[in-house]
Amino acid sequence: MFDGTTLAEISNLFAQNYGITLQIPDRALTQWTISGAFTAYSADELLETLASASNLSYKRHGNTIVITQEH
């Protein structure tokens, strides 16, 4: 459940819960907020849900995921 949760905060949740580093090169994106309830059974599933719900894209490199805005 997210209620005005910033991508920076979500990045911390991925690190704590999944051992995955989210990199967000565009600092403005770190302040984007997400609200809603999502059911996800893995980091990949949560990431896919977040990306599709917020016009974001991502690329995974091992335990590092780079988040960018879709154009």
N, C-alpha and C. Protein backbone atom coordinates (compact mmCIF):
# COMPACT_ATOMS: atom_id res chain seq x y z
N MET A 1 0.85 -1.18 0.00
CA MET A 1 0.00 0.00 0.00
C MET A 1 0.89 1.23 0.00
N PHE A 2 0.64 2.11 -0.95
CA PHE A 2 1.39 3.35 -1.05
C PHE A 2 0.42 4.51 -0.97
N ASP A 3 0.78 5.52 -0.19
CA ASP A 3 -0.06 6.70 -0.05
C ASP A 3 0.83 7.93 -0.15
N GLY A 4 1.01 8.42 -1.37
CA GLY A 4 1.89 9.56 -1.57
C GLY A 4 3.34 9.21 -1.32
N THR A 5 3.70 7.98 -1.59
CA THR A 5 5.07 7.49 -1.35
C THR A 5 5.96 7.91 -2.51
N THR A 6 7.08 8.54 -2.21
CA THR A 6 7.98 8.99 -3.27
C THR A 6 8.79 7.82 -3.82
N LEU A 7 9.29 7.99 -5.03
CA LEU A 7 10.16 6.95 -5.60
C LEU A 7 11.42 6.78 -4.76
N ALA A 8 11.89 7.85 -4.13
CA ALA A 8 13.05 7.74 -3.24
C ALA A 8 12.73 6.80 -2.08
N GLU A 9 11.54 6.92 -1.51
CA GLU A 9 11.13 6.04 -0.41
C GLU A 9 10.96 4.60 -0.90
N ILE A 10 10.40 4.46 -2.10
CA ILE A 10 10.24 3.13 -2.67
C ILE A 10 11.61 2.49 -2.93
N SER A 11 12.57 3.30 -3.33
CA SER A 11 13.93 2.83 -3.52
C SER A 11 14.48 2.23 -2.23
N ASN A 12 14.23 2.90 -1.12
CA ASN A 12 14.67 2.38 0.19
C ASN A 12 13.97 1.08 0.52
N LEU A 13 12.69 0.96 0.19
CA LEU A 13 11.95 -0.28 0.45
C LEU A 13 12.52 -1.44 -0.35
N PHE A 14 12.89 -1.20 -1.61
CA PHE A 14 13.49 -2.26 -2.42
C PHE A 14 14.81 -2.71 -1.81
N ALA A 15 15.61 -1.77 -1.34
CA ALA A 15 16.90 -2.11 -0.73
C ALA A 15 16.70 -2.94 0.53
N GLN A 16 15.78 -2.51 1.38
CA GLN A 16 15.55 -3.19 2.65
C GLN A 16 14.90 -4.56 2.48
N ASN A 17 13.91 -4.65 1.60
CA ASN A 17 13.11 -5.88 1.49
C ASN A 17 13.63 -6.89 0.48
N TYR A 18 14.32 -6.40 -0.56
CA TYR A 18 14.73 -7.30 -1.63
C TYR A 18 16.24 -7.29 -1.89
N GLY A 19 16.98 -6.39 -1.24
CA GLY A 19 18.41 -6.29 -1.49
C GLY A 19 18.73 -5.78 -2.88
N ILE A 20 17.81 -4.99 -3.44
CA ILE A 20 17.95 -4.47 -4.80
C ILE A 20 18.14 -2.96 -4.73
N THR A 21 19.09 -2.46 -5.50
CA THR A 21 19.34 -1.03 -5.56
C THR A 21 18.57 -0.44 -6.74
N LEU A 22 17.74 0.57 -6.45
CA LEU A 22 17.07 1.31 -7.51
C LEU A 22 17.88 2.57 -7.78
N GLN A 23 18.28 2.74 -9.01
CA GLN A 23 18.96 3.97 -9.40
C GLN A 23 17.99 4.82 -10.19
N ILE A 24 17.90 6.09 -9.83
CA ILE A 24 17.01 7.02 -10.50
C ILE A 24 17.86 8.21 -10.95
N PRO A 25 18.40 8.15 -12.18
CA PRO A 25 19.31 9.20 -12.65
C PRO A 25 18.69 10.59 -12.68
N ASP A 26 17.42 10.69 -13.00
CA ASP A 26 16.72 11.98 -13.04
C ASP A 26 16.23 12.30 -11.63
N ARG A 27 16.90 13.22 -10.97
CA ARG A 27 16.58 13.53 -9.57
C ARG A 27 15.13 13.99 -9.39
N ALA A 28 14.54 14.60 -10.42
CA ALA A 28 13.14 15.03 -10.32
C ALA A 28 12.23 13.81 -10.13
N LEU A 29 12.59 12.68 -10.71
CA LEU A 29 11.77 11.47 -10.55
C LEU A 29 11.77 10.95 -9.12
N THR A 30 12.80 11.24 -8.36
CA THR A 30 12.85 10.74 -6.98
C THR A 30 11.70 11.30 -6.15
N GLN A 31 11.14 12.43 -6.58
CA GLN A 31 10.06 13.06 -5.83
C GLN A 31 8.67 12.71 -6.36
N TRP A 32 8.61 11.93 -7.45
CA TRP A 32 7.31 11.45 -7.92
C TRP A 32 6.67 10.63 -6.83
N THR A 33 5.36 10.74 -6.71
CA THR A 33 4.67 9.98 -5.68
C THR A 33 3.75 8.93 -6.29
N ILE A 34 3.61 7.85 -5.55
CA ILE A 34 2.76 6.74 -5.94
C ILE A 34 1.73 6.54 -4.84
N SER A 35 0.49 6.36 -5.23
CA SER A 35 -0.57 6.05 -4.28
C SER A 35 -1.38 4.88 -4.83
N GLY A 36 -1.76 3.99 -3.95
CA GLY A 36 -2.59 2.86 -4.35
C GLY A 36 -2.18 1.59 -3.65
N ALA A 37 -3.01 0.59 -3.80
CA ALA A 37 -2.74 -0.72 -3.20
C ALA A 37 -2.37 -1.69 -4.32
N PHE A 38 -1.26 -2.36 -4.16
CA PHE A 38 -0.77 -3.30 -5.15
C PHE A 38 -0.48 -4.63 -4.48
N THR A 39 -0.81 -5.71 -5.15
CA THR A 39 -0.43 -7.03 -4.68
C THR A 39 0.73 -7.51 -5.54
N ALA A 40 1.84 -7.78 -4.91
CA ALA A 40 3.02 -8.25 -5.63
C ALA A 40 3.71 -9.30 -4.79
N TYR A 41 4.11 -10.38 -5.45
CA TYR A 41 4.75 -11.49 -4.75
C TYR A 41 6.26 -11.51 -4.92
N SER A 42 6.78 -10.56 -5.71
CA SER A 42 8.22 -10.48 -5.91
C SER A 42 8.60 -9.04 -6.26
N ALA A 43 9.88 -8.75 -6.20
CA ALA A 43 10.36 -7.42 -6.56
C ALA A 43 10.04 -7.12 -8.02
N ASP A 44 10.20 -8.12 -8.89
CA ASP A 44 9.92 -7.91 -10.31
C ASP A 44 8.46 -7.58 -10.55
N GLU A 45 7.58 -8.28 -9.87
CA GLU A 45 6.15 -8.04 -10.03
C GLU A 45 5.77 -6.65 -9.53
N LEU A 46 6.32 -6.24 -8.40
CA LEU A 46 6.05 -4.91 -7.87
C LEU A 46 6.58 -3.84 -8.81
N LEU A 47 7.77 -4.05 -9.32
CA LEU A 47 8.38 -3.09 -10.23
C LEU A 47 7.57 -2.95 -11.51
N GLU A 48 7.12 -4.05 -12.05
CA GLU A 48 6.31 -4.02 -13.27
C GLU A 48 4.99 -3.27 -13.03
N THR A 49 4.37 -3.50 -11.89
CA THR A 49 3.13 -2.81 -11.54
C THR A 49 3.36 -1.32 -11.40
N LEU A 50 4.42 -0.94 -10.70
CA LEU A 50 4.73 0.48 -10.53
C LEU A 50 5.03 1.14 -11.86
N ALA A 51 5.79 0.48 -12.70
CA ALA A 51 6.17 1.04 -14.00
C ALA A 51 4.95 1.26 -14.88
N SER A 52 4.08 0.28 -14.94
CA SER A 52 2.91 0.40 -15.82
C SER A 52 1.91 1.43 -15.29
N ALA A 53 1.86 1.60 -13.97
CA ALA A 53 0.91 2.54 -13.38
C ALA A 53 1.40 3.98 -13.42
N SER A 54 2.68 4.20 -13.67
CA SER A 54 3.20 5.56 -13.55
C SER A 54 4.07 6.02 -14.71
N ASN A 55 3.93 5.40 -15.88
CA ASN A 55 4.64 5.86 -17.07
C ASN A 55 6.16 5.86 -16.88
N LEU A 56 6.65 4.84 -16.20
CA LEU A 56 8.08 4.69 -15.98
C LEU A 56 8.57 3.45 -16.71
N SER A 57 9.84 3.42 -17.01
CA SER A 57 10.44 2.21 -17.55
C SER A 57 11.66 1.87 -16.71
N TYR A 58 12.13 0.65 -16.85
CA TYR A 58 13.28 0.23 -16.05
C TYR A 58 14.10 -0.80 -16.81
N LYS A 59 15.36 -0.86 -16.41
CA LYS A 59 16.27 -1.88 -16.92
C LYS A 59 16.98 -2.48 -15.73
N ARG A 60 17.04 -3.80 -15.72
CA ARG A 60 17.67 -4.50 -14.61
C ARG A 60 19.05 -4.98 -15.01
N HIS A 61 20.00 -4.76 -14.13
CA HIS A 61 21.37 -5.23 -14.29
C HIS A 61 21.77 -5.91 -12.99
N GLY A 62 21.51 -7.21 -12.89
CA GLY A 62 21.80 -7.92 -11.65
C GLY A 62 20.90 -7.42 -10.54
N ASN A 63 21.49 -6.95 -9.45
CA ASN A 63 20.72 -6.43 -8.32
C ASN A 63 20.55 -4.92 -8.37
N THR A 64 20.77 -4.34 -9.53
CA THR A 64 20.58 -2.91 -9.71
C THR A 64 19.53 -2.68 -10.79
N ILE A 65 18.59 -1.80 -10.50
CA ILE A 65 17.55 -1.46 -11.46
C ILE A 65 17.59 0.04 -11.69
N VAL A 66 17.64 0.42 -12.97
CA VAL A 66 17.67 1.84 -13.33
C VAL A 66 16.26 2.22 -13.79
N ILE A 67 15.71 3.25 -13.15
CA ILE A 67 14.35 3.72 -13.43
C ILE A 67 14.44 5.01 -14.24
N THR A 68 13.69 5.07 -15.33
CA THR A 68 13.62 6.28 -16.16
C THR A 68 12.18 6.56 -16.52
N GLN A 69 11.92 7.76 -17.00
CA GLN A 69 10.59 8.12 -17.43
C GLN A 69 10.45 7.73 -18.90
N GLU A 70 9.31 7.13 -19.24
CA GLU A 70 9.05 6.79 -20.65
C GLU A 70 8.78 8.07 -21.42
N HIS A 71 9.21 8.07 -22.65
CA HIS A 71 8.97 9.27 -23.48
C HIS A 71 8.07 8.92 -24.61
